[in-house]
Amino acid sequence: MRETPQLSLQNRQFLSELVHKYLKYLEQTQAASPLTIKSYATDLGQFFQCPGGFKATQSNNFNFSCLPQVMKEFQEWAQKRLPEAQNEWSQLMASTRQRKLSCLRSFFHWAYQERFLERDLSLKITTPKVPQKLPHFISMDEVMAVIRAGKEDPNDHRPLLMLLLLYGLGLRISEACHLKWSQVNLSEGLVRVVGKGASERVIALPSFVQSYLSELPNTSSPYLFGDKAINERVGYQWIRNLGARADLTHPLHPHSLRHSYATHLLNSGSDLRVIQMLLGHKSLAATQKYTHLSMEHLSREMEKAHPLSASSMSLKKKTE
């Protein structure tokens, strides 16, 4: 495939202003997370062949005094570049390729709506279907083993606290690391969580978690883990270490605890809509994957207990 020529200097100046305005739109209007903005800046840098990427979003003063001819040339360049970029990304994992193409669709659709482009180039982009992976979760016995491992170190309560936030409340690791005491109401047993896209949800504290939080030493620190939010890698390592100390067969990840929280609630009879609200999912489709896990659990229980199951028939023969 013939490579698309480099953008002219004038077009690159237009592109730089356009991308930074888009990143500001993500930050201020869409309330996108810093990680999402960083990923999109990288993806756009790769598409527009800018090795340095688009790192800054500091300025709010954008000068779009370019001539219509510049916008037209930029649009023609981007339209030629699209099939080339999709071919370059064809060997990537489906999830990575989907994110990059979703970024382009969002960017070009925004640019069209803002009238920086005459055509909506997002219509020329198709994203691949990503096979849905069933979330990994651990059993109740394994959860109790991890909690016991967390109680073994009385000098550092933070790993156990992280565990209880992830499994007891079903928080994401980012939500737990940034949780403030001002979001916790111990008297009412409620926690106000700020999730993706700055959306808020209220979660009831399980009695064990509520008791544990009330017994923590009184501090003037604004965050549950200290004077500032902790790095997610630190929380990840705490959970991984607890899993190793509990002798789990597989490495324990923070998201596995969130999956376990949802799975155990569903297996105990909780409504799927309630679980959706507790997890902070915008769509019920994101929560429905747990029904597959629930069905697997029901199948195993049926296999153990049903009179015509293989295990039951085997046990019957032994007792005759």
Protein backbone atom coordinates (compact mmCIF):
# COMPACT_ATOMS: atom_id res chain seq x y z
CA MET A 1 0.00 0.00 0.00
CA ARG A 2 1.29 3.42 -0.98
CA GLU A 3 2.12 5.58 2.05
CA THR A 4 0.20 8.81 2.61
CA PRO A 5 2.45 11.89 2.17
CA GLN A 6 3.32 13.90 5.26
CA LEU A 7 1.04 16.76 6.24
CA SER A 8 2.21 20.24 5.32
CA LEU A 9 3.41 22.59 8.06
CA GLN A 10 0.22 24.64 7.79
CA ASN A 11 -1.90 21.52 8.11
CA ARG A 12 0.13 20.34 11.10
CA GLN A 13 -0.49 23.62 12.88
CA PHE A 14 -4.21 23.20 12.21
CA LEU A 15 -4.05 19.58 13.38
CA SER A 16 -2.27 20.47 16.61
CA GLU A 17 -4.89 23.07 17.53
CA LEU A 18 -7.71 20.73 16.52
CA VAL A 19 -6.47 17.78 18.61
CA HIS A 20 -5.83 19.90 21.67
CA LYS A 21 -9.33 21.34 21.41
CA TYR A 22 -10.70 17.80 21.17
CA LEU A 23 -8.73 16.65 24.23
CA LYS A 24 -10.11 19.64 26.15
CA TYR A 25 -13.59 18.58 25.06
CA LEU A 26 -12.97 15.09 26.47
CA GLU A 27 -11.69 16.52 29.73
CA GLN A 28 -14.20 19.29 30.37
CA THR A 29 -17.40 18.15 28.63
CA GLN A 30 -17.14 14.37 28.64
CA ALA A 31 -15.37 14.19 32.04
CA ALA A 32 -13.03 11.55 30.60
CA SER A 33 -10.39 10.13 32.94
CA PRO A 34 -6.74 11.26 32.59
CA LEU A 35 -5.87 7.72 31.48
CA THR A 36 -8.45 7.83 28.67
CA ILE A 37 -7.22 11.25 27.52
CA LYS A 38 -3.62 10.03 27.54
CA SER A 39 -4.53 6.90 25.53
CA TYR A 40 -6.52 8.91 22.97
CA ALA A 41 -3.66 11.42 22.61
CA THR A 42 -1.29 8.52 21.89
CA ASP A 43 -3.68 6.92 19.38
CA LEU A 44 -4.19 10.20 17.54
CA GLY A 45 -0.43 10.77 17.52
CA GLN A 46 0.06 7.40 15.84
CA PHE A 47 -2.68 8.01 13.30
CA PHE A 48 -1.44 11.47 12.36
CA GLN A 49 2.19 10.24 12.35
CA CYS A 50 3.33 12.59 15.09
CA PRO A 51 6.09 10.72 17.01
CA GLY A 52 5.92 13.21 19.89
CA GLY A 53 2.16 12.76 20.23
CA PHE A 54 -0.17 15.40 21.65
CA LYS A 55 0.76 15.82 25.29
CA ALA A 56 -0.45 19.26 26.27
CA THR A 57 -3.99 20.44 26.96
CA GLN A 58 -3.02 23.51 28.96
CA SER A 59 -4.26 26.29 26.69
CA ASN A 60 -7.89 27.29 26.39
CA ASN A 61 -7.13 29.86 23.67
CA PHE A 62 -7.42 28.27 20.24
CA ASN A 63 -6.89 30.26 17.07
CA PHE A 64 -8.84 28.71 14.20
CA SER A 65 -8.21 31.40 11.63
CA CYS A 66 -7.11 28.93 8.98
CA LEU A 67 -8.43 29.14 5.44
CA PRO A 68 -11.12 26.72 4.23
CA GLN A 69 -8.53 25.36 1.80
CA VAL A 70 -6.39 24.14 4.72
CA MET A 71 -9.36 22.34 6.25
CA LYS A 72 -10.17 20.77 2.89
CA GLU A 73 -6.57 19.55 2.42
CA PHE A 74 -6.51 18.15 5.94
CA GLN A 75 -9.76 16.27 5.36
CA GLU A 76 -8.49 14.76 2.11
CA TRP A 77 -5.26 13.67 3.83
CA ALA A 78 -7.16 12.04 6.73
CA GLN A 79 -9.47 10.22 4.32
CA LYS A 80 -6.47 8.69 2.50
CA ARG A 81 -4.75 7.85 5.77
CA LEU A 82 -7.69 5.87 7.23
CA PRO A 83 -7.32 2.59 5.26
CA GLU A 84 -3.55 2.75 5.72
CA ALA A 85 -3.86 3.07 9.52
CA GLN A 86 -6.46 0.31 9.72
CA ASN A 87 -4.09 -1.97 7.84
CA GLU A 88 -1.21 -1.06 10.20
CA TRP A 89 -3.35 -1.91 13.23
CA SER A 90 -4.80 -5.11 11.77
CA GLN A 91 -2.31 -7.34 13.63
CA LEU A 92 -3.02 -5.82 17.06
CA MET A 93 -5.21 -7.50 19.65
CA ALA A 94 -8.89 -6.98 18.87
CA SER A 95 -9.44 -4.98 22.08
CA THR A 96 -6.50 -2.65 21.34
CA ARG A 97 -7.57 -2.19 17.73
CA GLN A 98 -11.12 -1.48 18.85
CA ARG A 99 -9.92 1.24 21.25
CA LYS A 100 -7.81 2.96 18.59
CA LEU A 101 -10.60 2.90 16.00
CA SER A 102 -13.15 4.06 18.60
CA CYS A 103 -10.83 6.99 19.32
CA LEU A 104 -10.74 7.92 15.63
CA ARG A 105 -14.51 7.59 15.29
CA SER A 106 -15.05 9.85 18.27
CA PHE A 107 -12.52 12.43 17.05
CA PHE A 108 -13.79 12.64 13.47
CA HIS A 109 -17.44 12.71 14.53
CA TRP A 110 -16.67 15.56 16.95
CA ALA A 111 -14.70 17.46 14.28
CA TYR A 112 -17.64 17.10 11.86
CA GLN A 113 -20.20 18.26 14.43
CA GLU A 114 -18.00 21.27 15.26
CA ARG A 115 -17.80 22.01 11.51
CA PHE A 116 -14.05 21.65 11.28
CA LEU A 117 -14.62 18.98 8.62
CA GLU A 118 -17.17 18.93 5.81
CA ARG A 119 -17.58 15.14 5.93
CA ASP A 120 -18.12 12.79 8.85
CA LEU A 121 -15.14 10.46 8.40
CA SER A 122 -16.28 8.39 11.39
CA LEU A 123 -18.78 6.70 9.06
CA LYS A 124 -15.87 5.13 7.16
CA ILE A 125 -14.54 3.36 10.27
CA THR A 126 -15.80 -0.04 11.40
CA THR A 127 -14.66 -1.44 14.73
CA PRO A 128 -14.00 -5.17 15.19
CA LYS A 129 -16.10 -7.33 17.46
CA VAL A 130 -14.16 -8.25 20.59
CA PRO A 131 -14.81 -11.74 22.00
CA GLN A 132 -16.29 -11.31 25.48
CA LYS A 133 -14.18 -12.94 28.15
CA LEU A 134 -15.90 -14.25 31.24
CA PRO A 135 -14.57 -12.42 34.30
CA HIS A 136 -12.39 -14.40 36.68
CA PHE A 137 -13.64 -14.67 40.25
CA ILE A 138 -12.63 -16.53 43.39
CA SER A 139 -14.75 -18.66 45.71
CA MET A 140 -16.07 -17.65 49.12
CA ASP A 141 -13.54 -19.93 50.81
CA GLU A 142 -10.74 -18.24 48.89
CA VAL A 143 -12.05 -14.81 49.87
CA MET A 144 -11.99 -15.79 53.55
CA ALA A 145 -8.45 -17.12 53.14
CA VAL A 146 -7.32 -13.80 51.66
CA ILE A 147 -9.03 -11.87 54.49
CA ARG A 148 -7.22 -14.04 57.04
CA ALA A 149 -3.95 -13.30 55.26
CA GLY A 150 -4.72 -9.59 55.51
CA LYS A 151 -5.21 -9.84 59.26
CA GLU A 152 -1.78 -11.39 59.78
CA ASP A 153 0.03 -8.02 59.72
CA PRO A 154 -1.32 -5.81 62.54
CA ASN A 155 1.25 -3.10 61.76
CA ASP A 156 -0.12 -2.28 58.31
CA HIS A 157 -3.89 -2.19 57.88
CA ARG A 158 -3.80 -0.81 54.32
CA PRO A 159 -3.70 -4.11 52.33
CA LEU A 160 -6.71 -5.46 54.22
CA LEU A 161 -8.49 -2.12 53.83
CA MET A 162 -7.90 -2.25 50.08
CA LEU A 163 -9.21 -5.82 49.98
CA LEU A 164 -12.40 -4.85 51.81
CA LEU A 165 -13.03 -1.90 49.49
CA LEU A 166 -12.63 -4.06 46.39
CA TYR A 167 -14.56 -7.10 47.56
CA GLY A 168 -16.82 -5.57 50.23
CA LEU A 169 -17.96 -2.66 48.03
CA GLY A 170 -17.09 -3.86 44.54
CA LEU A 171 -14.97 -0.78 43.81
CA ARG A 172 -12.58 -0.40 40.92
CA ILE A 173 -8.94 -0.11 42.00
CA SER A 174 -8.88 3.54 40.84
CA GLU A 175 -11.99 4.33 42.91
CA ALA A 176 -10.52 2.71 46.02
CA CYS A 177 -7.16 4.47 45.68
CA HIS A 178 -8.87 7.89 45.47
CA LEU A 179 -11.55 7.34 48.12
CA LYS A 180 -11.83 10.17 50.68
CA TRP A 181 -13.18 10.10 54.21
CA SER A 182 -15.63 12.84 53.16
CA GLN A 183 -17.28 10.24 50.90
CA VAL A 184 -17.82 7.80 53.80
CA ASN A 185 -20.81 8.13 56.15
CA LEU A 186 -20.23 5.59 58.91
CA SER A 187 -23.31 6.56 60.92
CA GLU A 188 -25.60 5.79 57.97
CA GLY A 189 -23.41 3.00 56.60
CA LEU A 190 -23.09 4.54 53.14
CA VAL A 191 -20.26 5.40 50.73
CA ARG A 192 -20.52 7.87 47.87
CA VAL A 193 -18.28 6.72 45.02
CA VAL A 194 -17.12 8.81 42.08
CA GLY A 195 -16.71 6.46 39.14
CA LYS A 196 -15.99 6.67 35.42
CA GLY A 197 -17.02 9.87 33.71
CA ALA A 198 -17.39 11.55 37.14
CA SER A 199 -20.63 9.61 37.68
CA GLU A 200 -21.64 9.09 41.31
CA ARG A 201 -23.24 6.12 43.00
CA VAL A 202 -24.07 5.30 46.62
CA ILE A 203 -23.16 1.91 48.08
CA ALA A 204 -24.25 0.45 51.40
CA LEU A 205 -21.44 -0.65 53.69
CA PRO A 206 -21.55 -4.32 54.72
CA SER A 207 -21.52 -4.53 58.53
CA PHE A 208 -18.03 -6.07 58.63
CA VAL A 209 -16.56 -3.29 56.49
CA GLN A 210 -18.42 -0.64 58.47
CA SER A 211 -17.04 -2.02 61.75
CA TYR A 212 -13.52 -2.22 60.33
CA LEU A 213 -13.58 1.39 59.12
CA SER A 214 -14.88 2.65 62.48
CA GLU A 215 -12.03 0.88 64.29
CA LEU A 216 -9.29 2.50 62.19
CA PRO A 217 -7.06 5.04 64.00
CA ASN A 218 -8.39 8.60 63.84
CA THR A 219 -6.37 10.73 61.44
CA SER A 220 -6.74 14.12 59.81
CA SER A 221 -5.78 12.69 56.42
CA PRO A 222 -8.34 13.45 53.70
CA TYR A 223 -7.92 10.07 51.97
CA LEU A 224 -8.52 6.64 53.46
CA PHE A 225 -4.93 5.68 52.64
CA GLY A 226 -3.22 8.89 53.77
CA ASP A 227 -2.64 12.50 52.83
CA LYS A 228 -3.02 11.82 49.12
CA ALA A 229 -4.42 9.19 46.79
CA ILE A 230 -2.16 6.18 46.39
CA ASN A 231 -0.75 4.88 43.13
CA GLU A 232 -2.84 2.08 41.64
CA ARG A 233 0.29 -0.06 41.23
CA VAL A 234 0.76 -0.02 45.00
CA GLY A 235 -2.80 -1.25 45.57
CA TYR A 236 -2.34 -3.87 42.86
CA GLN A 237 0.78 -5.21 44.60
CA TRP A 238 -0.96 -5.34 47.99
CA ILE A 239 -3.70 -7.54 46.54
CA ARG A 240 -1.23 -9.72 44.66
CA ASN A 241 0.79 -10.26 47.87
CA LEU A 242 -2.35 -11.16 49.86
CA GLY A 243 -3.30 -13.73 47.24
CA ALA A 244 0.17 -15.29 47.42
CA ARG A 245 0.06 -15.41 51.23
CA ALA A 246 -3.34 -17.09 51.05
CA ASP A 247 -1.83 -19.79 48.75
CA LEU A 248 -4.32 -19.19 45.95
CA THR A 249 -3.74 -21.31 42.86
CA HIS A 250 -3.73 -18.25 40.55
CA PRO A 251 -2.36 -14.71 41.04
CA LEU A 252 -4.98 -12.45 42.57
CA HIS A 253 -5.85 -9.24 40.70
CA PRO A 254 -7.90 -6.30 42.05
CA HIS A 255 -10.54 -6.66 39.35
CA SER A 256 -11.03 -10.32 40.28
CA LEU A 257 -12.29 -9.14 43.67
CA ARG A 258 -14.78 -6.79 42.02
CA HIS A 259 -15.92 -9.68 39.81
CA SER A 260 -16.20 -11.90 42.87
CA TYR A 261 -18.33 -9.28 44.63
CA ALA A 262 -20.79 -9.19 41.71
CA THR A 263 -20.81 -12.95 41.17
CA HIS A 264 -21.41 -13.79 44.83
CA LEU A 265 -24.24 -11.23 45.02
CA LEU A 266 -25.90 -12.73 41.96
CA ASN A 267 -25.50 -16.28 43.24
CA SER A 268 -27.12 -15.18 46.51
CA GLY A 269 -30.21 -13.96 44.66
CA SER A 270 -29.52 -10.25 44.16
CA ASP A 271 -31.32 -8.55 41.28
CA LEU A 272 -29.22 -7.83 38.21
CA ARG A 273 -30.39 -4.20 38.13
CA VAL A 274 -29.25 -3.72 41.72
CA ILE A 275 -25.82 -5.15 40.88
CA GLN A 276 -25.65 -2.81 37.88
CA MET A 277 -26.19 0.19 40.16
CA LEU A 278 -23.68 -1.06 42.73
CA LEU A 279 -20.99 -1.58 40.10
CA GLY A 280 -21.67 1.73 38.40
CA HIS A 281 -22.32 0.22 34.97
CA LYS A 282 -24.07 2.59 32.58
CA SER A 283 -25.54 -0.28 30.61
CA LEU A 284 -27.14 -3.49 31.85
CA ALA A 285 -25.28 -5.30 29.06
CA ALA A 286 -22.03 -4.75 30.96
CA THR A 287 -23.52 -6.49 33.99
CA GLN A 288 -25.17 -9.38 32.16
CA LYS A 289 -21.85 -11.20 31.73
CA TYR A 290 -22.21 -12.27 35.36
CA THR A 291 -25.31 -14.29 34.49
CA HIS A 292 -23.02 -16.70 32.59
CA LEU A 293 -21.02 -17.24 35.75
CA SER A 294 -24.22 -17.71 37.73
CA MET A 295 -25.45 -20.33 35.27
CA GLU A 296 -22.14 -22.20 35.58
CA HIS A 297 -22.56 -22.13 39.36
CA LEU A 298 -26.12 -23.45 39.07
CA SER A 299 -24.97 -26.21 36.70
CA ARG A 300 -22.31 -27.36 39.16
CA GLU A 301 -24.79 -27.34 42.03
CA MET A 302 -27.32 -29.27 39.95
CA GLU A 303 -24.68 -31.82 38.99
CA LYS A 304 -23.91 -32.40 42.67
CA ALA A 305 -27.50 -32.64 43.90
CA HIS A 306 -29.76 -33.90 41.11
CA PRO A 307 -30.74 -37.59 41.50
CA LEU A 308 -29.97 -38.33 37.84
CA SER A 309 -26.58 -36.59 37.76
CA ALA A 310 -23.41 -38.63 37.29
CA SER A 311 -22.03 -37.81 40.74
CA SER A 312 -25.29 -38.73 42.47
CA MET A 313 -25.61 -42.03 40.58
CA SER A 314 -22.02 -42.90 41.45
CA LEU A 315 -22.63 -42.22 45.12
CA LYS A 316 -25.82 -44.32 45.02
CA LYS A 317 -23.95 -47.32 43.61
CA LYS A 318 -21.34 -47.08 46.37
CA THR A 319 -23.98 -47.12 49.09
CA GLU A 320 -25.92 -50.09 47.68
